[in-house]
Amino acid sequence: MKKTLLVLTLLLAGSLAACGKSQTTPQTSTNPSASTSPAATQSSGGATKADAQTVFKANCVSCHGVNLEGAVGPNLQKVGSKLSKDQVSTTITNGKGAMPSFKGKLSDDEVSSLATWLADKK
């Protein structure tokens, strides 16, 4: 009984520790005009805009699943019908419950793009 409890505790701890860790490696390019950030795309104004799906894959999949179906974290497939963009953004930035804060880990642009993308899931 104690061994089962220990194994379950270690599995839960490992799952939570993996939540939010990015395993992407920097991409190098011979094209000087190409963006060096895998989570960014060039906009017409020259500034970069985060690609929400890339940010999600790099930071959220381990807890929320490839198809937003939920795993350790909740299902996000229809999160936009429950939460506004601002509420999603606040949750990403500050964390909530077992979800860690991504403040300082994601840029404001990445948080905004991800929040907009998720809020559109209705």
C-alpha atoms as a PDB file:
ATOM      1  CA  MET A   1       0.000   0.000   0.000  1.00  0.00           C
ATOM      2  CA  LYS A   2       2.805   2.401   0.917  1.00  0.00           C
ATOM      3  CA  LYS A   3       4.653   1.576  -2.308  1.00  0.00           C
ATOM      4  CA  THR A   4       1.559   2.351  -4.383  1.00  0.00           C
ATOM      5  CA  LEU A   5       1.088   5.680  -2.632  1.00  0.00           C
ATOM      6  CA  LEU A   6       4.762   6.528  -3.149  1.00  0.00           C
ATOM      7  CA  VAL A   7       4.603   5.663  -6.857  1.00  0.00           C
ATOM      8  CA  LEU A   8       1.451   7.738  -7.347  1.00  0.00           C
ATOM      9  CA  THR A   9       2.996  10.684  -5.521  1.00  0.00           C
ATOM     10  CA  LEU A  10       6.142  10.517  -7.663  1.00  0.00           C
ATOM     11  CA  LEU A  11       4.090  10.318 -10.866  1.00  0.00           C
ATOM     12  CA  LEU A  12       2.023  13.341  -9.865  1.00  0.00           C
ATOM     13  CA  ALA A  13       5.119  15.312  -8.885  1.00  0.00           C
ATOM     14  CA  GLY A  14       6.817  14.433 -12.181  1.00  0.00           C
ATOM     15  CA  SER A  15       3.762  15.461 -14.184  1.00  0.00           C
ATOM     16  CA  LEU A  16       3.479  18.798 -12.408  1.00  0.00           C
ATOM     17  CA  ALA A  17       7.209  19.446 -12.733  1.00  0.00           C
ATOM     18  CA  ALA A  18       6.984  18.940 -16.498  1.00  0.00           C
ATOM     19  CA  CYS A  19       4.118  21.408 -16.869  1.00  0.00           C
ATOM     20  CA  GLY A  20       5.266  24.542 -18.634  1.00  0.00           C
ATOM     21  CA  LYS A  21       8.787  23.448 -19.487  1.00  0.00           C
ATOM     22  CA  SER A  22       9.777  24.291 -23.013  1.00  0.00           C
ATOM     23  CA  GLN A  23      11.855  21.702 -24.810  1.00  0.00           C
ATOM     24  CA  THR A  24      12.402  23.664 -27.989  1.00  0.00           C
ATOM     25  CA  THR A  25      15.886  24.388 -29.169  1.00  0.00           C
ATOM     26  CA  PRO A  26      16.921  27.644 -30.794  1.00  0.00           C
ATOM     27  CA  GLN A  27      16.754  27.515 -34.555  1.00  0.00           C
ATOM     28  CA  THR A  28      19.523  28.983 -36.634  1.00  0.00           C
ATOM     29  CA  SER A  29      18.945  30.364 -40.055  1.00  0.00           C
ATOM     30  CA  THR A  30      21.163  31.505 -42.867  1.00  0.00           C
ATOM     31  CA  ASN A  31      18.483  34.036 -43.820  1.00  0.00           C
ATOM     32  CA  PRO A  32      19.266  37.283 -41.921  1.00  0.00           C
ATOM     33  CA  SER A  33      15.670  38.507 -42.247  1.00  0.00           C
ATOM     34  CA  ALA A  34      14.242  35.348 -40.670  1.00  0.00           C
ATOM     35  CA  SER A  35      12.976  35.478 -37.113  1.00  0.00           C
ATOM     36  CA  THR A  36      15.195  33.748 -34.566  1.00  0.00           C
ATOM     37  CA  SER A  37      12.301  32.954 -32.264  1.00  0.00           C
ATOM     38  CA  PRO A  38      10.344  29.784 -33.100  1.00  0.00           C
ATOM     39  CA  ALA A  39       7.268  31.322 -31.451  1.00  0.00           C
ATOM     40  CA  ALA A  40       7.306  34.515 -33.447  1.00  0.00           C
ATOM     41  CA  THR A  41       6.222  35.604 -36.883  1.00  0.00           C
ATOM     42  CA  GLN A  42       6.987  38.865 -38.664  1.00  0.00           C
ATOM     43  CA  SER A  43       4.157  41.343 -38.878  1.00  0.00           C
ATOM     44  CA  SER A  44       3.891  44.101 -41.457  1.00  0.00           C
ATOM     45  CA  GLY A  45       5.194  46.690 -38.977  1.00  0.00           C
ATOM     46  CA  GLY A  46       8.461  44.830 -38.444  1.00  0.00           C
ATOM     47  CA  ALA A  47       7.563  43.850 -34.877  1.00  0.00           C
ATOM     48  CA  THR A  48       7.151  40.182 -33.998  1.00  0.00           C
ATOM     49  CA  LYS A  49       3.844  38.672 -33.067  1.00  0.00           C
ATOM     50  CA  ALA A  50       3.766  35.440 -31.130  1.00  0.00           C
ATOM     51  CA  ASP A  51       2.210  32.405 -32.767  1.00  0.00           C
ATOM     52  CA  ALA A  52      -0.248  31.080 -30.193  1.00  0.00           C
ATOM     53  CA  GLN A  53      -0.140  27.466 -31.346  1.00  0.00           C
ATOM     54  CA  THR A  54       3.652  27.393 -31.170  1.00  0.00           C
ATOM     55  CA  VAL A  55       3.595  28.939 -27.683  1.00  0.00           C
ATOM     56  CA  PHE A  56       0.951  26.399 -26.614  1.00  0.00           C
ATOM     57  CA  LYS A  57       2.967  23.458 -27.962  1.00  0.00           C
ATOM     58  CA  ALA A  58       6.124  24.662 -26.235  1.00  0.00           C
ATOM     59  CA  ASN A  59       4.581  25.431 -22.835  1.00  0.00           C
ATOM     60  CA  CYS A  60       1.121  23.951 -22.339  1.00  0.00           C
ATOM     61  CA  VAL A  61       0.796  20.589 -24.097  1.00  0.00           C
ATOM     62  CA  SER A  62       2.287  18.584 -21.232  1.00  0.00           C
ATOM     63  CA  CYS A  63      -0.624  19.547 -18.963  1.00  0.00           C
ATOM     64  CA  HIS A  64      -3.487  20.432 -21.339  1.00  0.00           C
ATOM     65  CA  GLY A  65      -2.911  17.869 -24.112  1.00  0.00           C
ATOM     66  CA  VAL A  66      -2.148  18.131 -27.815  1.00  0.00           C
ATOM     67  CA  ASN A  67      -5.812  18.745 -28.690  1.00  0.00           C
ATOM     68  CA  LEU A  68      -6.590  20.824 -25.583  1.00  0.00           C
ATOM     69  CA  GLU A  69      -8.374  17.759 -24.219  1.00  0.00           C
ATOM     70  CA  GLY A  70      -6.865  18.043 -20.765  1.00  0.00           C
ATOM     71  CA  ALA A  71      -4.496  15.722 -18.960  1.00  0.00           C
ATOM     72  CA  VAL A  72      -2.976  16.956 -15.708  1.00  0.00           C
ATOM     73  CA  GLY A  73      -4.586  20.345 -16.429  1.00  0.00           C
ATOM     74  CA  PRO A  74      -8.206  20.950 -17.435  1.00  0.00           C
ATOM     75  CA  ASN A  75      -9.755  20.601 -20.891  1.00  0.00           C
ATOM     76  CA  LEU A  76      -9.431  23.879 -22.820  1.00  0.00           C
ATOM     77  CA  GLN A  77     -11.392  22.960 -25.951  1.00  0.00           C
ATOM     78  CA  LYS A  78     -14.254  25.342 -25.063  1.00  0.00           C
ATOM     79  CA  VAL A  79     -12.522  27.599 -22.564  1.00  0.00           C
ATOM     80  CA  GLY A  80     -13.628  30.717 -24.475  1.00  0.00           C
ATOM     81  CA  SER A  81     -17.265  29.990 -23.635  1.00  0.00           C
ATOM     82  CA  LYS A  82     -16.387  30.170 -19.927  1.00  0.00           C
ATOM     83  CA  LEU A  83     -13.611  32.765 -19.710  1.00  0.00           C
ATOM     84  CA  SER A  84     -12.887  36.076 -21.453  1.00  0.00           C
ATOM     85  CA  LYS A  85      -9.553  36.895 -23.072  1.00  0.00           C
ATOM     86  CA  ASP A  86      -8.614  38.989 -20.022  1.00  0.00           C
ATOM     87  CA  GLN A  87      -9.449  36.142 -17.633  1.00  0.00           C
ATOM     88  CA  VAL A  88      -7.394  33.681 -19.696  1.00  0.00           C
ATOM     89  CA  SER A  89      -4.507  36.164 -19.824  1.00  0.00           C
ATOM     90  CA  THR A  90      -4.629  36.647 -16.041  1.00  0.00           C
ATOM     91  CA  THR A  91      -4.603  32.881 -15.481  1.00  0.00           C
ATOM     92  CA  ILE A  92      -1.617  32.401 -17.791  1.00  0.00           C
ATOM     93  CA  THR A  93       0.299  35.265 -16.199  1.00  0.00           C
ATOM     94  CA  ASN A  94      -0.457  34.560 -12.535  1.00  0.00           C
ATOM     95  CA  GLY A  95      -1.280  30.860 -12.534  1.00  0.00           C
ATOM     96  CA  LYS A  96      -4.257  29.365 -10.733  1.00  0.00           C
ATOM     97  CA  GLY A  97      -4.571  26.339  -8.475  1.00  0.00           C
ATOM     98  CA  ALA A  98      -1.942  23.821  -9.597  1.00  0.00           C
ATOM     99  CA  MET A  99      -1.154  25.813 -12.755  1.00  0.00           C
ATOM    100  CA  PRO A 100       2.149  27.674 -12.503  1.00  0.00           C
ATOM    101  CA  SER A 101       2.604  31.351 -13.303  1.00  0.00           C
ATOM    102  CA  PHE A 102       4.176  32.116 -16.674  1.00  0.00           C
ATOM    103  CA  LYS A 103       5.088  35.682 -15.669  1.00  0.00           C
ATOM    104  CA  GLY A 104       8.665  36.216 -16.770  1.00  0.00           C
ATOM    105  CA  LYS A 105       8.624  32.989 -18.808  1.00  0.00           C
ATOM    106  CA  LEU A 106       6.407  34.265 -21.628  1.00  0.00           C
ATOM    107  CA  SER A 107       6.494  37.730 -23.166  1.00  0.00           C
ATOM    108  CA  ASP A 108       3.431  39.991 -23.004  1.00  0.00           C
ATOM    109  CA  ASP A 109       2.942  39.377 -26.739  1.00  0.00           C
ATOM    110  CA  GLU A 110       3.043  35.589 -26.257  1.00  0.00           C
ATOM    111  CA  VAL A 111       0.525  35.780 -23.395  1.00  0.00           C
ATOM    112  CA  SER A 112      -1.767  38.049 -25.411  1.00  0.00           C
ATOM    113  CA  SER A 113      -1.671  35.842 -28.522  1.00  0.00           C
ATOM    114  CA  LEU A 114      -2.245  32.698 -26.486  1.00  0.00           C
ATOM    115  CA  ALA A 115      -5.115  34.290 -24.532  1.00  0.00           C
ATOM    116  CA  THR A 116      -6.788  35.492 -27.747  1.00  0.00           C
ATOM    117  CA  TRP A 117      -6.406  32.057 -29.354  1.00  0.00           C
ATOM    118  CA  LEU A 118      -7.833  30.255 -26.314  1.00  0.00           C
ATOM    119  CA  ALA A 119     -10.671  32.771 -25.818  1.00  0.00           C
ATOM    120  CA  ASP A 120     -11.779  32.007 -29.398  1.00  0.00           C
ATOM    121  CA  LYS A 121     -12.290  28.345 -28.439  1.00  0.00           C
ATOM    122  CA  LYS A 122     -16.049  28.209 -27.900  1.00  0.00           C
END
